[in-house]
């Protein structure tokens, strides 16, 4: 088969296009990052960023913000803690809850994650101008907040 592949009516579905776009981005990310073996799971890179911008955030708040199950966040947090990137402090109000913060190593990891993210955004910046990027982000956030 040569030329473009026909997807039929699904090609006009926003969810399908978001899914394909994520696959294209992920494929590019994996190709660029195969050189180095990550010390933490690839899916966890945004968690230290969230903790850095929201010191004291709870695991539940992270799960809600990233649309993840709490059990998945707990797995990520265990690995981040094992790598000495985060600390857990029991809540003074409710001992069952914890507040998360970054260690010095975690802050350095978060800074590196942000730099890597910016590098991965470069191909998108080559396709969409700044106004288009802002509009796309605005629309995606609108969908996220209303699902």
C-alpha atoms as a PDB file:
ATOM      1  CA  UNK A   1       0.000   0.000   0.000  1.00  0.00           C
ATOM      2  CA  UNK A   2       1.426   3.386  -0.933  1.00  0.00           C
ATOM      3  CA  UNK A   3       0.345   6.911  -0.145  1.00  0.00           C
ATOM      4  CA  UNK A   4      -1.689   8.006   2.831  1.00  0.00           C
ATOM      5  CA  UNK A   5      -3.589   5.455   4.870  1.00  0.00           C
ATOM      6  CA  UNK A   6      -7.351   5.999   4.996  1.00  0.00           C
ATOM      7  CA  UNK A   7      -8.854   6.021   8.482  1.00  0.00           C
ATOM      8  CA  UNK A   8     -12.436   6.719   7.481  1.00  0.00           C
ATOM      9  CA  UNK A   9     -14.675   8.772   9.769  1.00  0.00           C
ATOM     10  CA  UNK A  10     -12.444   8.163  12.806  1.00  0.00           C
ATOM     11  CA  UNK A  11      -9.890  10.538  11.236  1.00  0.00           C
ATOM     12  CA  UNK A  12     -12.203  13.395  12.243  1.00  0.00           C
ATOM     13  CA  UNK A  13     -12.425  12.298  15.892  1.00  0.00           C
ATOM     14  CA  UNK A  14     -10.552  14.586  18.274  1.00  0.00           C
ATOM     15  CA  UNK A  15      -9.736  11.761  20.690  1.00  0.00           C
ATOM     16  CA  UNK A  16      -8.268   9.652  17.905  1.00  0.00           C
ATOM     17  CA  UNK A  17      -6.115  12.537  16.684  1.00  0.00           C
ATOM     18  CA  UNK A  18      -4.914  13.303  20.225  1.00  0.00           C
ATOM     19  CA  UNK A  19      -4.043   9.609  20.624  1.00  0.00           C
ATOM     20  CA  UNK A  20      -2.082   9.518  17.353  1.00  0.00           C
ATOM     21  CA  UNK A  21      -0.307  12.763  18.242  1.00  0.00           C
ATOM     22  CA  UNK A  22       0.704  11.324  21.622  1.00  0.00           C
ATOM     23  CA  UNK A  23       2.034   8.212  19.864  1.00  0.00           C
ATOM     24  CA  UNK A  24       4.095  10.352  17.470  1.00  0.00           C
ATOM     25  CA  UNK A  25       5.516  12.396  20.347  1.00  0.00           C
ATOM     26  CA  UNK A  26       6.206   9.278  22.419  1.00  0.00           C
ATOM     27  CA  UNK A  27       7.938   7.573  19.500  1.00  0.00           C
ATOM     28  CA  UNK A  28      10.212  10.588  19.096  1.00  0.00           C
ATOM     29  CA  UNK A  29      10.871  10.690  22.853  1.00  0.00           C
ATOM     30  CA  UNK A  30      11.786   7.011  22.952  1.00  0.00           C
ATOM     31  CA  UNK A  31      14.111   7.314  19.971  1.00  0.00           C
ATOM     32  CA  UNK A  32      15.919  10.258  21.562  1.00  0.00           C
ATOM     33  CA  UNK A  33      16.182   8.713  25.013  1.00  0.00           C
ATOM     34  CA  UNK A  34      17.303   5.182  24.150  1.00  0.00           C
ATOM     35  CA  UNK A  35      20.890   6.167  24.751  1.00  0.00           C
ATOM     36  CA  UNK A  36      20.499   6.527  28.514  1.00  0.00           C
ATOM     37  CA  UNK A  37      18.868   4.082  30.879  1.00  0.00           C
ATOM     38  CA  UNK A  38      16.547   6.113  33.130  1.00  0.00           C
ATOM     39  CA  UNK A  39      16.869   5.664  36.889  1.00  0.00           C
ATOM     40  CA  UNK A  40      13.141   6.305  37.331  1.00  0.00           C
ATOM     41  CA  UNK A  41      10.229   5.137  35.183  1.00  0.00           C
ATOM     42  CA  UNK A  42       9.606   7.275  32.111  1.00  0.00           C
ATOM     43  CA  UNK A  43       6.038   7.980  33.177  1.00  0.00           C
ATOM     44  CA  UNK A  44       7.202   9.479  36.466  1.00  0.00           C
ATOM     45  CA  UNK A  45       9.242  12.381  35.087  1.00  0.00           C
ATOM     46  CA  UNK A  46       6.436  14.914  35.600  1.00  0.00           C
ATOM     47  CA  UNK A  47       5.895  14.015  39.257  1.00  0.00           C
ATOM     48  CA  UNK A  48       9.059  15.731  40.536  1.00  0.00           C
ATOM     49  CA  UNK A  49       8.093  18.777  38.454  1.00  0.00           C
ATOM     50  CA  UNK A  50       4.679  18.870  40.121  1.00  0.00           C
ATOM     51  CA  UNK A  51       6.193  18.443  43.578  1.00  0.00           C
ATOM     52  CA  UNK A  52       8.732  21.197  42.867  1.00  0.00           C
ATOM     53  CA  UNK A  53       6.027  23.658  41.839  1.00  0.00           C
ATOM     54  CA  UNK A  54       3.676  22.493  44.634  1.00  0.00           C
ATOM     55  CA  UNK A  55       5.759  21.687  47.739  1.00  0.00           C
ATOM     56  CA  UNK A  56       3.723  19.656  50.201  1.00  0.00           C
ATOM     57  CA  UNK A  57       1.395  18.274  47.541  1.00  0.00           C
ATOM     58  CA  UNK A  58      -0.298  15.000  48.419  1.00  0.00           C
ATOM     59  CA  UNK A  59      -0.159  11.788  46.375  1.00  0.00           C
ATOM     60  CA  UNK A  60      -3.906  12.101  45.800  1.00  0.00           C
ATOM     61  CA  UNK A  61      -3.501  15.605  44.386  1.00  0.00           C
ATOM     62  CA  UNK A  62      -0.805  14.301  42.032  1.00  0.00           C
ATOM     63  CA  UNK A  63      -3.101  11.486  40.887  1.00  0.00           C
ATOM     64  CA  UNK A  64      -5.903  13.973  40.250  1.00  0.00           C
ATOM     65  CA  UNK A  65      -3.643  16.437  38.393  1.00  0.00           C
ATOM     66  CA  UNK A  66      -2.139  13.759  36.134  1.00  0.00           C
ATOM     67  CA  UNK A  67      -5.324  11.713  35.627  1.00  0.00           C
ATOM     68  CA  UNK A  68      -3.640   8.631  37.134  1.00  0.00           C
ATOM     69  CA  UNK A  69      -4.858   5.987  39.540  1.00  0.00           C
ATOM     70  CA  UNK A  70      -3.600   6.509  43.072  1.00  0.00           C
ATOM     71  CA  UNK A  71      -2.043   3.034  42.992  1.00  0.00           C
ATOM     72  CA  UNK A  72       0.071   4.015  39.955  1.00  0.00           C
ATOM     73  CA  UNK A  73       1.195   7.206  41.681  1.00  0.00           C
ATOM     74  CA  UNK A  74       2.124   5.161  44.775  1.00  0.00           C
ATOM     75  CA  UNK A  75       4.367   2.948  42.606  1.00  0.00           C
ATOM     76  CA  UNK A  76       6.042   5.965  41.035  1.00  0.00           C
ATOM     77  CA  UNK A  77       6.543   7.591  44.443  1.00  0.00           C
ATOM     78  CA  UNK A  78       8.189   4.469  45.854  1.00  0.00           C
ATOM     79  CA  UNK A  79      10.687   4.482  42.997  1.00  0.00           C
ATOM     80  CA  UNK A  80      11.326   8.215  43.306  1.00  0.00           C
ATOM     81  CA  UNK A  81      11.869   7.791  47.038  1.00  0.00           C
ATOM     82  CA  UNK A  82      14.235   4.839  46.451  1.00  0.00           C
ATOM     83  CA  UNK A  83      16.275   7.103  44.151  1.00  0.00           C
ATOM     84  CA  UNK A  84      16.350   9.759  46.929  1.00  0.00           C
ATOM     85  CA  UNK A  85      14.461  12.270  44.770  1.00  0.00           C
ATOM     86  CA  UNK A  86      11.531  12.901  47.137  1.00  0.00           C
ATOM     87  CA  UNK A  87      10.697  12.837  50.825  1.00  0.00           C
ATOM     88  CA  UNK A  88       7.393  12.104  52.497  1.00  0.00           C
ATOM     89  CA  UNK A  89       6.386  13.988  55.614  1.00  0.00           C
ATOM     90  CA  UNK A  90       3.340  12.908  57.634  1.00  0.00           C
ATOM     91  CA  UNK A  91       0.623  15.539  57.754  1.00  0.00           C
ATOM     92  CA  UNK A  92       0.413  17.189  61.186  1.00  0.00           C
ATOM     93  CA  UNK A  93      -3.401  17.365  60.788  1.00  0.00           C
ATOM     94  CA  UNK A  94      -3.947  13.775  59.640  1.00  0.00           C
ATOM     95  CA  UNK A  95      -1.227  11.176  60.179  1.00  0.00           C
ATOM     96  CA  UNK A  96      -2.652   9.007  57.390  1.00  0.00           C
ATOM     97  CA  UNK A  97      -1.778  11.655  54.815  1.00  0.00           C
ATOM     98  CA  UNK A  98       1.662  12.682  53.608  1.00  0.00           C
ATOM     99  CA  UNK A  99       3.138  15.813  52.121  1.00  0.00           C
ATOM    100  CA  UNK A 100       5.733  15.397  49.393  1.00  0.00           C
ATOM    101  CA  UNK A 101       8.825  17.466  48.818  1.00  0.00           C
ATOM    102  CA  UNK A 102      11.933  17.250  46.669  1.00  0.00           C
ATOM    103  CA  UNK A 103      15.393  16.475  47.931  1.00  0.00           C
ATOM    104  CA  UNK A 104      18.345  18.402  46.491  1.00  0.00           C
ATOM    105  CA  UNK A 105      18.833  15.487  44.101  1.00  0.00           C
ATOM    106  CA  UNK A 106      15.113  15.689  43.246  1.00  0.00           C
ATOM    107  CA  UNK A 107      15.362  19.411  42.469  1.00  0.00           C
ATOM    108  CA  UNK A 108      18.283  18.719  40.125  1.00  0.00           C
ATOM    109  CA  UNK A 109      16.301  15.886  38.511  1.00  0.00           C
ATOM    110  CA  UNK A 110      13.279  18.174  38.050  1.00  0.00           C
ATOM    111  CA  UNK A 111      15.463  20.839  36.426  1.00  0.00           C
ATOM    112  CA  UNK A 112      16.913  18.225  34.055  1.00  0.00           C
ATOM    113  CA  UNK A 113      13.406  16.925  33.284  1.00  0.00           C
ATOM    114  CA  UNK A 114      12.290  20.433  32.388  1.00  0.00           C
ATOM    115  CA  UNK A 115      15.277  20.899  30.073  1.00  0.00           C
ATOM    116  CA  UNK A 116      14.542  17.563  28.389  1.00  0.00           C
ATOM    117  CA  UNK A 117      10.891  18.514  28.010  1.00  0.00           C
ATOM    118  CA  UNK A 118      11.858  21.804  26.390  1.00  0.00           C
ATOM    119  CA  UNK A 119      14.131  19.935  23.971  1.00  0.00           C
ATOM    120  CA  UNK A 120      11.299  17.557  23.101  1.00  0.00           C
ATOM    121  CA  UNK A 121       9.046  20.563  22.420  1.00  0.00           C
ATOM    122  CA  UNK A 122      11.407  21.882  19.738  1.00  0.00           C
ATOM    123  CA  UNK A 123       9.893  19.839  16.871  1.00  0.00           C
ATOM    124  CA  UNK A 124       6.425  21.078  17.841  1.00  0.00           C
ATOM    125  CA  UNK A 125       7.712  24.663  17.901  1.00  0.00           C
ATOM    126  CA  UNK A 126       8.990  24.098  14.366  1.00  0.00           C
ATOM    127  CA  UNK A 127       5.464  23.139  13.276  1.00  0.00           C
ATOM    128  CA  UNK A 128       3.274  25.508  15.304  1.00  0.00           C
ATOM    129  CA  UNK A 129       4.007  29.163  16.016  1.00  0.00           C
ATOM    130  CA  UNK A 130       3.690  30.480  19.595  1.00  0.00           C
ATOM    131  CA  UNK A 131       0.083  31.613  19.159  1.00  0.00           C
ATOM    132  CA  UNK A 132      -0.918  28.223  17.717  1.00  0.00           C
ATOM    133  CA  UNK A 133       0.859  26.421  20.560  1.00  0.00           C
ATOM    134  CA  UNK A 134      -0.936  28.544  23.179  1.00  0.00           C
ATOM    135  CA  UNK A 135      -4.276  27.927  21.464  1.00  0.00           C
ATOM    136  CA  UNK A 136      -3.691  24.173  21.249  1.00  0.00           C
ATOM    137  CA  UNK A 137      -2.719  24.035  24.938  1.00  0.00           C
ATOM    138  CA  UNK A 138      -5.774  26.136  25.843  1.00  0.00           C
ATOM    139  CA  UNK A 139      -8.087  23.789  23.953  1.00  0.00           C
ATOM    140  CA  UNK A 140      -6.516  20.644  25.400  1.00  0.00           C
ATOM    141  CA  UNK A 141      -6.821  22.027  28.938  1.00  0.00           C
ATOM    142  CA  UNK A 142     -10.452  22.909  28.238  1.00  0.00           C
ATOM    143  CA  UNK A 143     -11.139  19.302  27.218  1.00  0.00           C
ATOM    144  CA  UNK A 144      -9.250  17.912  30.235  1.00  0.00           C
ATOM    145  CA  UNK A 145     -11.131  20.088  32.695  1.00  0.00           C
ATOM    146  CA  UNK A 146     -14.510  19.182  31.307  1.00  0.00           C
ATOM    147  CA  UNK A 147     -14.228  15.408  30.966  1.00  0.00           C
END
